[in-house]
Each structure stands twice: as C-alpha cells, then as structure tokens.
Amino acid sequence: MAIHKCRECGNQVSTKAVTCPSCGAPVKKPGRLSTGCGCLLVGLVVLLIAGFLAQRAEQERRASLSPEQRKAEDDVKREADAKRKAEAVTGRVEPAT
C-alpha cells in the first residue's frame, strides 16, 4: 500500500482509498488512463479502421471497372486536378459547366 498526497488538501492518502479521508475529494488512481484519454484512443482506432476499410472498398471498386471505365475516370480526375491547380495559381474559381 503506497501513500501519496491529495490533490485538493495535500494530506496523505492511501492509493487504495476512493476518497481523501480529510477533505472527501475523489482520489485518482495513479498509472491509469483517464476516461478522456481512453475515449480518444478508441476514437482514433475507429477512424483508422474506417479509413482502411474505405480505401479497400475503393480498390475493389476500381478493380471491377473495365479498362475503358478506369481510363475515363482517370481522365476526369486529371482534368479536376488541373482545374484546381489553375485556380490555386490564379486565385479565381471558374464557374461549373
């Protein structure tokens, strides 16, 4: 059983105590992640898995296209990229046609 100082009143508190015996403040267990950190970690893992699954679905969709469809899709992407680059250089946005 270790003893540490209470965050509120500074008195000594056992690490097994739930609250400080002097002031009643809840005792944070040392060495454990807080709930916020745990939620953040879980959220990050979920986002990584979702990104992986989305990328895999896109790869499967592209694999199911015919060569002509892939070429047409690549041409559209190339045109869109060229338009974005031109807009970045000139600072003007062209109206959609």
N, C-alpha and C. Protein backbone atom coordinates (compact mmCIF):
# COMPACT_ATOMS: atom_id res chain seq x y z
N MET A 1 0.84 -1.17 0.00
CA MET A 1 0.00 0.00 0.00
C MET A 1 0.89 1.24 0.00
N ALA A 2 0.77 2.05 -1.04
CA ALA A 2 1.55 3.28 -1.15
C ALA A 2 0.70 4.45 -0.68
N ILE A 3 1.40 5.52 -0.36
CA ILE A 3 0.71 6.74 0.09
C ILE A 3 1.17 7.89 -0.79
N HIS A 4 0.22 8.73 -1.17
CA HIS A 4 0.54 9.93 -1.94
C HIS A 4 -0.27 11.10 -1.40
N LYS A 5 0.01 12.30 -1.92
CA LYS A 5 -0.68 13.50 -1.44
C LYS A 5 -2.00 13.70 -2.17
N CYS A 6 -2.98 14.19 -1.43
CA CYS A 6 -4.28 14.54 -2.00
C CYS A 6 -4.11 15.78 -2.88
N ARG A 7 -4.75 15.78 -4.06
CA ARG A 7 -4.66 16.92 -4.97
C ARG A 7 -5.36 18.16 -4.42
N GLU A 8 -6.34 17.96 -3.56
CA GLU A 8 -7.13 19.08 -3.04
C GLU A 8 -6.52 19.69 -1.78
N CYS A 9 -6.29 18.85 -0.76
CA CYS A 9 -5.85 19.40 0.53
C CYS A 9 -4.39 19.14 0.86
N GLY A 10 -3.74 18.23 0.13
CA GLY A 10 -2.32 17.96 0.36
C GLY A 10 -2.04 16.94 1.44
N ASN A 11 -3.04 16.44 2.14
CA ASN A 11 -2.83 15.42 3.17
C ASN A 11 -2.50 14.07 2.54
N GLN A 12 -1.94 13.18 3.34
CA GLN A 12 -1.56 11.88 2.84
C GLN A 12 -2.80 10.99 2.67
N VAL A 13 -2.82 10.27 1.52
CA VAL A 13 -3.95 9.40 1.19
C VAL A 13 -3.39 8.08 0.68
N SER A 14 -4.02 6.99 1.07
CA SER A 14 -3.64 5.68 0.58
C SER A 14 -4.03 5.54 -0.88
N THR A 15 -3.25 4.80 -1.65
CA THR A 15 -3.59 4.57 -3.06
C THR A 15 -4.81 3.66 -3.19
N LYS A 16 -5.17 2.96 -2.12
CA LYS A 16 -6.35 2.10 -2.14
C LYS A 16 -7.62 2.85 -1.77
N ALA A 17 -7.48 4.08 -1.28
CA ALA A 17 -8.65 4.87 -0.88
C ALA A 17 -9.40 5.39 -2.11
N VAL A 18 -10.70 5.48 -1.97
CA VAL A 18 -11.54 6.01 -3.04
C VAL A 18 -11.64 7.53 -2.93
N THR A 19 -11.70 8.01 -1.69
CA THR A 19 -11.74 9.46 -1.43
C THR A 19 -10.73 9.81 -0.36
N CYS A 20 -10.38 11.08 -0.29
CA CYS A 20 -9.46 11.57 0.75
C CYS A 20 -10.18 11.54 2.09
N PRO A 21 -9.58 10.98 3.15
CA PRO A 21 -10.24 10.94 4.45
C PRO A 21 -10.37 12.32 5.09
N SER A 22 -9.55 13.28 4.66
CA SER A 22 -9.60 14.61 5.26
C SER A 22 -10.65 15.51 4.60
N CYS A 23 -10.60 15.58 3.27
CA CYS A 23 -11.49 16.52 2.59
C CYS A 23 -12.58 15.85 1.76
N GLY A 24 -12.48 14.55 1.52
CA GLY A 24 -13.51 13.83 0.77
C GLY A 24 -13.36 13.90 -0.74
N ALA A 25 -12.27 14.53 -1.23
CA ALA A 25 -12.05 14.64 -2.67
C ALA A 25 -11.79 13.25 -3.26
N PRO A 26 -12.31 12.99 -4.46
CA PRO A 26 -12.04 11.68 -5.07
C PRO A 26 -10.55 11.52 -5.37
N VAL A 27 -10.07 10.30 -5.19
CA VAL A 27 -8.66 10.00 -5.41
C VAL A 27 -8.50 9.41 -6.80
N LYS A 28 -7.64 10.01 -7.60
CA LYS A 28 -7.36 9.49 -8.93
C LYS A 28 -6.35 8.36 -8.78
N LYS A 29 -6.66 7.24 -9.40
CA LYS A 29 -5.77 6.10 -9.33
C LYS A 29 -4.53 6.36 -10.20
N PRO A 30 -3.33 6.27 -9.65
CA PRO A 30 -2.12 6.52 -10.44
C PRO A 30 -1.87 5.41 -11.45
N GLY A 31 -1.32 5.78 -12.58
CA GLY A 31 -0.94 4.81 -13.58
C GLY A 31 -2.06 4.35 -14.49
N ARG A 32 -3.23 4.90 -14.36
CA ARG A 32 -4.34 4.50 -15.22
C ARG A 32 -4.67 5.65 -16.16
N LEU A 33 -5.10 5.31 -17.37
CA LEU A 33 -5.53 6.32 -18.32
C LEU A 33 -6.86 6.90 -17.86
N SER A 34 -7.01 8.19 -18.03
CA SER A 34 -8.29 8.79 -17.70
C SER A 34 -9.32 8.40 -18.75
N THR A 35 -10.58 8.62 -18.46
CA THR A 35 -11.65 8.26 -19.39
C THR A 35 -11.50 9.02 -20.70
N GLY A 36 -11.12 10.28 -20.63
CA GLY A 36 -10.95 11.09 -21.85
C GLY A 36 -9.88 10.52 -22.76
N CYS A 37 -8.77 10.10 -22.18
CA CYS A 37 -7.69 9.52 -22.99
C CYS A 37 -8.12 8.19 -23.60
N GLY A 38 -8.85 7.41 -22.85
CA GLY A 38 -9.33 6.13 -23.37
C GLY A 38 -10.30 6.33 -24.52
N CYS A 39 -11.21 7.30 -24.38
CA CYS A 39 -12.16 7.58 -25.46
C CYS A 39 -11.44 8.10 -26.69
N LEU A 40 -10.46 8.93 -26.48
CA LEU A 40 -9.68 9.47 -27.60
C LEU A 40 -8.95 8.36 -28.33
N LEU A 41 -8.38 7.45 -27.59
CA LEU A 41 -7.66 6.33 -28.18
C LEU A 41 -8.61 5.42 -28.97
N VAL A 42 -9.76 5.13 -28.41
CA VAL A 42 -10.75 4.29 -29.10
C VAL A 42 -11.22 5.00 -30.37
N GLY A 43 -11.48 6.31 -30.29
CA GLY A 43 -11.91 7.06 -31.46
C GLY A 43 -10.87 7.03 -32.57
N LEU A 44 -9.61 7.16 -32.20
CA LEU A 44 -8.53 7.13 -33.19
C LEU A 44 -8.46 5.77 -33.87
N VAL A 45 -8.58 4.71 -33.11
CA VAL A 45 -8.55 3.36 -33.68
C VAL A 45 -9.73 3.17 -34.64
N VAL A 46 -10.92 3.64 -34.25
CA VAL A 46 -12.10 3.51 -35.11
C VAL A 46 -11.88 4.27 -36.42
N LEU A 47 -11.33 5.49 -36.35
CA LEU A 47 -11.06 6.26 -37.56
C LEU A 47 -10.05 5.56 -38.47
N LEU A 48 -9.02 4.99 -37.89
CA LEU A 48 -8.03 4.27 -38.69
C LEU A 48 -8.65 3.06 -39.39
N ILE A 49 -9.48 2.33 -38.68
CA ILE A 49 -10.13 1.16 -39.28
C ILE A 49 -11.09 1.59 -40.38
N ALA A 50 -11.86 2.66 -40.14
CA ALA A 50 -12.79 3.16 -41.16
C ALA A 50 -12.04 3.61 -42.41
N GLY A 51 -10.91 4.29 -42.22
CA GLY A 51 -10.11 4.72 -43.37
C GLY A 51 -9.57 3.54 -44.15
N PHE A 52 -9.11 2.53 -43.46
CA PHE A 52 -8.60 1.33 -44.12
C PHE A 52 -9.70 0.65 -44.92
N LEU A 53 -10.89 0.51 -44.31
CA LEU A 53 -12.00 -0.15 -45.00
C LEU A 53 -12.46 0.65 -46.21
N ALA A 54 -12.48 1.97 -46.10
CA ALA A 54 -12.88 2.81 -47.23
C ALA A 54 -11.88 2.68 -48.38
N GLN A 55 -10.60 2.67 -48.05
CA GLN A 55 -9.57 2.53 -49.08
C GLN A 55 -9.68 1.17 -49.77
N ARG A 56 -9.93 0.15 -48.98
CA ARG A 56 -10.06 -1.20 -49.55
C ARG A 56 -11.29 -1.30 -50.46
N ALA A 57 -12.39 -0.69 -50.05
CA ALA A 57 -13.61 -0.70 -50.87
C ALA A 57 -13.37 0.03 -52.19
N GLU A 58 -12.64 1.13 -52.14
CA GLU A 58 -12.32 1.88 -53.37
C GLU A 58 -11.44 1.05 -54.30
N GLN A 59 -10.48 0.33 -53.74
CA GLN A 59 -9.62 -0.52 -54.55
C GLN A 59 -10.42 -1.64 -55.21
N GLU A 60 -11.35 -2.22 -54.48
CA GLU A 60 -12.19 -3.28 -55.04
C GLU A 60 -13.10 -2.73 -56.14
N ARG A 61 -13.63 -1.51 -55.92
CA ARG A 61 -14.49 -0.89 -56.93
C ARG A 61 -13.70 -0.63 -58.20
N ARG A 62 -12.48 -0.10 -58.05
CA ARG A 62 -11.64 0.18 -59.23
C ARG A 62 -11.28 -1.10 -59.97
N ALA A 63 -11.05 -2.18 -59.23
CA ALA A 63 -10.68 -3.45 -59.86
C ALA A 63 -11.84 -4.03 -60.67
N SER A 64 -13.06 -3.69 -60.28
CA SER A 64 -14.21 -4.23 -61.00
C SER A 64 -14.54 -3.44 -62.27
N LEU A 65 -13.90 -2.29 -62.49
CA LEU A 65 -14.16 -1.49 -63.69
C LEU A 65 -13.43 -2.06 -64.90
N SER A 66 -14.01 -1.81 -66.06
CA SER A 66 -13.33 -2.20 -67.30
C SER A 66 -12.19 -1.22 -67.55
N PRO A 67 -11.21 -1.57 -68.39
CA PRO A 67 -10.11 -0.66 -68.68
C PRO A 67 -10.60 0.68 -69.24
N GLU A 68 -11.66 0.67 -70.04
CA GLU A 68 -12.18 1.92 -70.59
C GLU A 68 -12.78 2.79 -69.50
N GLN A 69 -13.49 2.17 -68.56
CA GLN A 69 -14.07 2.93 -67.46
C GLN A 69 -12.98 3.52 -66.57
N ARG A 70 -11.92 2.75 -66.30
CA ARG A 70 -10.81 3.25 -65.50
C ARG A 70 -10.13 4.43 -66.18
N LYS A 71 -9.92 4.33 -67.49
CA LYS A 71 -9.29 5.42 -68.24
C LYS A 71 -10.16 6.67 -68.19
N ALA A 72 -11.47 6.50 -68.38
CA ALA A 72 -12.38 7.65 -68.33
C ALA A 72 -12.37 8.29 -66.94
N GLU A 73 -12.35 7.48 -65.91
CA GLU A 73 -12.31 8.01 -64.53
C GLU A 73 -11.00 8.74 -64.28
N ASP A 74 -9.89 8.18 -64.76
CA ASP A 74 -8.59 8.84 -64.59
C ASP A 74 -8.55 10.17 -65.34
N ASP A 75 -9.16 10.22 -66.53
CA ASP A 75 -9.19 11.47 -67.29
C ASP A 75 -9.97 12.55 -66.55
N VAL A 76 -11.09 12.17 -65.96
CA VAL A 76 -11.90 13.14 -65.20
C VAL A 76 -11.10 13.65 -64.00
N LYS A 77 -10.43 12.75 -63.28
CA LYS A 77 -9.61 13.15 -62.13
C LYS A 77 -8.48 14.07 -62.55
N ARG A 78 -7.83 13.75 -63.69
CA ARG A 78 -6.73 14.58 -64.19
C ARG A 78 -7.23 16.00 -64.52
N GLU A 79 -8.40 16.09 -65.18
CA GLU A 79 -8.97 17.40 -65.51
C GLU A 79 -9.30 18.19 -64.25
N ALA A 80 -9.87 17.52 -63.25
CA ALA A 80 -10.22 18.19 -62.00
C ALA A 80 -8.96 18.69 -61.28
N ASP A 81 -7.91 17.89 -61.29
CA ASP A 81 -6.65 18.30 -60.67
C ASP A 81 -6.06 19.51 -61.38
N ALA A 82 -6.08 19.49 -62.71
CA ALA A 82 -5.55 20.62 -63.48
C ALA A 82 -6.35 21.88 -63.20
N LYS A 83 -7.67 21.75 -63.06
CA LYS A 83 -8.52 22.90 -62.77
C LYS A 83 -8.21 23.46 -61.38
N ARG A 84 -8.03 22.57 -60.39
CA ARG A 84 -7.69 23.02 -59.04
C ARG A 84 -6.36 23.74 -59.01
N LYS A 85 -5.38 23.21 -59.75
CA LYS A 85 -4.06 23.85 -59.78
C LYS A 85 -4.16 25.23 -60.43
N ALA A 86 -4.93 25.34 -61.50
CA ALA A 86 -5.10 26.63 -62.17
C ALA A 86 -5.79 27.62 -61.24
N GLU A 87 -6.79 27.17 -60.49
CA GLU A 87 -7.48 28.04 -59.54
C GLU A 87 -6.54 28.48 -58.42
N ALA A 88 -5.65 27.60 -58.00
CA ALA A 88 -4.70 27.96 -56.95
C ALA A 88 -3.71 29.01 -57.43
N VAL A 89 -3.31 28.91 -58.68
CA VAL A 89 -2.35 29.86 -59.24
C VAL A 89 -3.01 31.22 -59.48
N THR A 90 -4.19 31.22 -60.10
CA THR A 90 -4.85 32.47 -60.45
C THR A 90 -5.66 33.07 -59.31
N GLY A 91 -6.11 32.23 -58.38
CA GLY A 91 -6.93 32.72 -57.28
C GLY A 91 -8.39 32.89 -57.67
N ARG A 92 -8.75 32.50 -58.89
CA ARG A 92 -10.13 32.61 -59.36
C ARG A 92 -10.75 31.22 -59.47
N VAL A 93 -12.03 31.15 -59.20
CA VAL A 93 -12.76 29.90 -59.35
C VAL A 93 -13.61 30.00 -60.60
N GLU A 94 -13.43 29.06 -61.49
CA GLU A 94 -14.21 29.04 -62.74
C GLU A 94 -15.61 28.49 -62.45
N PRO A 95 -16.64 29.05 -63.07
CA PRO A 95 -17.98 28.51 -62.86
C PRO A 95 -18.10 27.10 -63.43
N ALA A 96 -18.93 26.30 -62.80
CA ALA A 96 -19.12 24.93 -63.25
C ALA A 96 -19.89 24.93 -64.55
N THR A 97 -19.52 24.03 -65.45
CA THR A 97 -20.20 23.96 -66.75
C THR A 97 -21.11 22.77 -66.80
